[in-house]
Amino acid sequence: MERKLLLYIGILLLVSGIALKSFTGYSILAWLTIGTGALAKILYIIGKIKSRSYKPGYEMICLYLGLSIFFTGMYVKADLVTEHKSLFIYTGIGLKSLFVFLFIRKMRSINK
């Protein structure tokens, strides 16, 4: 349960950081919150790899691409059309969601 707590805290921090960035002008605090949440999730995955309860596979490509596209959307300048910026962000979230789905499916198949 301790390790899952790290995952849940990471998710909560990521969502909070995204909301903070979207609804307020606190970009530094938002980036710190998003970065801390991402770090917590990375530590969770590393812990699973070290305990040999997870072996990374092709789903890591979804995570890498999703994070890259998402952070590109968050970073692009304000002069970029909002629809294009949103396209980056939502595509990144979609790929990260695909990673979560594949990760959970793999973890369930390992635990059976």
Protein backbone atom coordinates (compact mmCIF):
# COMPACT_ATOMS: atom_id res chain seq x y z
CA MET A 1 0.00 0.00 0.00
CA GLU A 2 2.91 2.36 0.68
CA ARG A 3 4.05 2.20 -2.91
CA LYS A 4 0.54 2.76 -4.24
CA LEU A 5 0.27 5.79 -1.99
CA LEU A 6 3.25 7.27 -3.85
CA LEU A 7 1.44 6.67 -7.15
CA TYR A 8 -1.78 8.29 -5.91
CA ILE A 9 0.09 11.30 -4.52
CA GLY A 10 1.85 11.67 -7.87
CA ILE A 11 -1.44 11.60 -9.76
CA LEU A 12 -3.00 14.11 -7.37
CA LEU A 13 -0.03 16.47 -7.73
CA LEU A 14 -0.10 16.21 -11.52
CA VAL A 15 -3.81 16.98 -11.72
CA SER A 16 -3.42 19.83 -9.23
CA GLY A 17 -0.52 21.29 -11.20
CA ILE A 18 -2.42 21.11 -14.48
CA ALA A 19 -5.45 22.78 -12.89
CA LEU A 20 -3.23 25.42 -11.32
CA LYS A 21 -1.58 26.14 -14.66
CA SER A 22 -4.91 26.25 -16.51
CA PHE A 23 -6.98 28.32 -14.13
CA THR A 24 -4.46 30.67 -12.51
CA GLY A 25 -1.35 32.55 -13.44
CA TYR A 26 0.92 30.65 -11.04
CA SER A 27 3.13 29.05 -13.62
CA ILE A 28 6.18 28.45 -11.39
CA LEU A 29 4.11 26.76 -8.68
CA ALA A 30 2.24 24.79 -11.35
CA TRP A 31 5.49 23.54 -12.90
CA LEU A 32 6.84 22.56 -9.48
CA THR A 33 3.64 20.68 -8.67
CA ILE A 34 3.62 18.91 -12.05
CA GLY A 35 7.32 18.05 -11.73
CA THR A 36 6.89 16.69 -8.20
CA GLY A 37 3.92 14.60 -9.31
CA ALA A 38 5.85 13.22 -12.27
CA LEU A 39 8.80 12.43 -10.00
CA ALA A 40 6.53 10.53 -7.60
CA LYS A 41 5.13 8.45 -10.45
CA ILE A 42 8.62 7.77 -11.81
CA LEU A 43 9.77 6.65 -8.35
CA TYR A 44 6.77 4.31 -8.19
CA ILE A 45 7.68 2.73 -11.54
CA ILE A 46 11.35 2.43 -10.57
CA GLY A 47 10.31 0.76 -7.30
CA LYS A 48 8.23 -1.76 -9.25
CA ILE A 49 11.15 -2.46 -11.60
CA LYS A 50 13.58 -2.93 -8.68
CA SER A 51 11.21 -5.28 -6.88
CA ARG A 52 10.96 -7.25 -10.13
CA SER A 53 7.19 -7.03 -10.12
CA TYR A 54 7.22 -5.06 -13.38
CA LYS A 55 9.27 -5.50 -16.52
CA PRO A 56 9.10 -2.46 -18.82
CA GLY A 57 7.96 -3.03 -22.37
CA TYR A 58 6.56 -1.18 -25.34
CA GLU A 59 4.12 0.74 -23.12
CA MET A 60 7.06 2.90 -22.03
CA ILE A 61 7.08 4.37 -25.55
CA CYS A 62 3.53 5.64 -24.92
CA LEU A 63 4.68 7.21 -21.66
CA TYR A 64 7.70 8.91 -23.23
CA LEU A 65 5.77 10.24 -26.22
CA GLY A 66 2.84 11.29 -24.05
CA LEU A 67 5.03 13.22 -21.64
CA SER A 68 7.00 14.83 -24.47
CA ILE A 69 3.90 15.96 -26.33
CA PHE A 70 2.15 17.08 -23.14
CA PHE A 71 5.06 19.19 -21.91
CA THR A 72 5.47 20.65 -25.40
CA GLY A 73 1.84 21.76 -25.23
CA MET A 74 2.35 23.23 -21.77
CA TYR A 75 5.51 25.07 -22.83
CA VAL A 76 4.51 26.55 -26.18
CA LYS A 77 4.23 30.29 -26.29
CA ALA A 78 0.94 32.07 -25.70
CA ASP A 79 0.89 33.33 -29.31
CA LEU A 80 0.20 29.79 -30.55
CA VAL A 81 -3.44 29.27 -31.41
CA THR A 82 -5.27 27.78 -28.41
CA GLU A 83 -6.62 24.86 -30.44
CA HIS A 84 -3.11 23.78 -31.40
CA LYS A 85 -1.88 24.07 -27.82
CA SER A 86 -4.86 22.03 -26.63
CA LEU A 87 -4.19 19.43 -29.31
CA PHE A 88 -0.69 18.89 -27.89
CA ILE A 89 -1.96 18.69 -24.33
CA TYR A 90 -4.88 16.33 -25.03
CA THR A 91 -2.81 14.07 -27.28
CA GLY A 92 -0.19 13.84 -24.53
CA ILE A 93 -2.85 13.05 -21.93
CA GLY A 94 -4.31 10.41 -24.26
CA LEU A 95 -0.94 8.70 -24.71
CA LYS A 96 -0.26 8.84 -20.97
CA SER A 97 -3.69 7.34 -20.34
CA LEU A 98 -2.87 4.56 -22.80
CA PHE A 99 0.32 3.92 -20.84
CA VAL A 100 -1.65 3.70 -17.58
CA PHE A 101 -4.10 1.23 -19.17
CA LEU A 102 -1.29 -0.95 -20.54
CA PHE A 103 0.65 -0.72 -17.26
CA ILE A 104 -2.35 -1.82 -15.18
CA ARG A 105 -3.14 -4.63 -17.62
CA LYS A 106 0.44 -5.86 -17.45
CA MET A 107 0.53 -5.65 -13.63
CA ARG A 108 -2.72 -7.63 -13.35
CA SER A 109 -1.45 -10.33 -15.69
CA ILE A 110 1.78 -10.61 -13.67
CA ASN A 111 -0.11 -10.89 -10.36
CA LYS A 112 -2.34 -13.75 -11.61
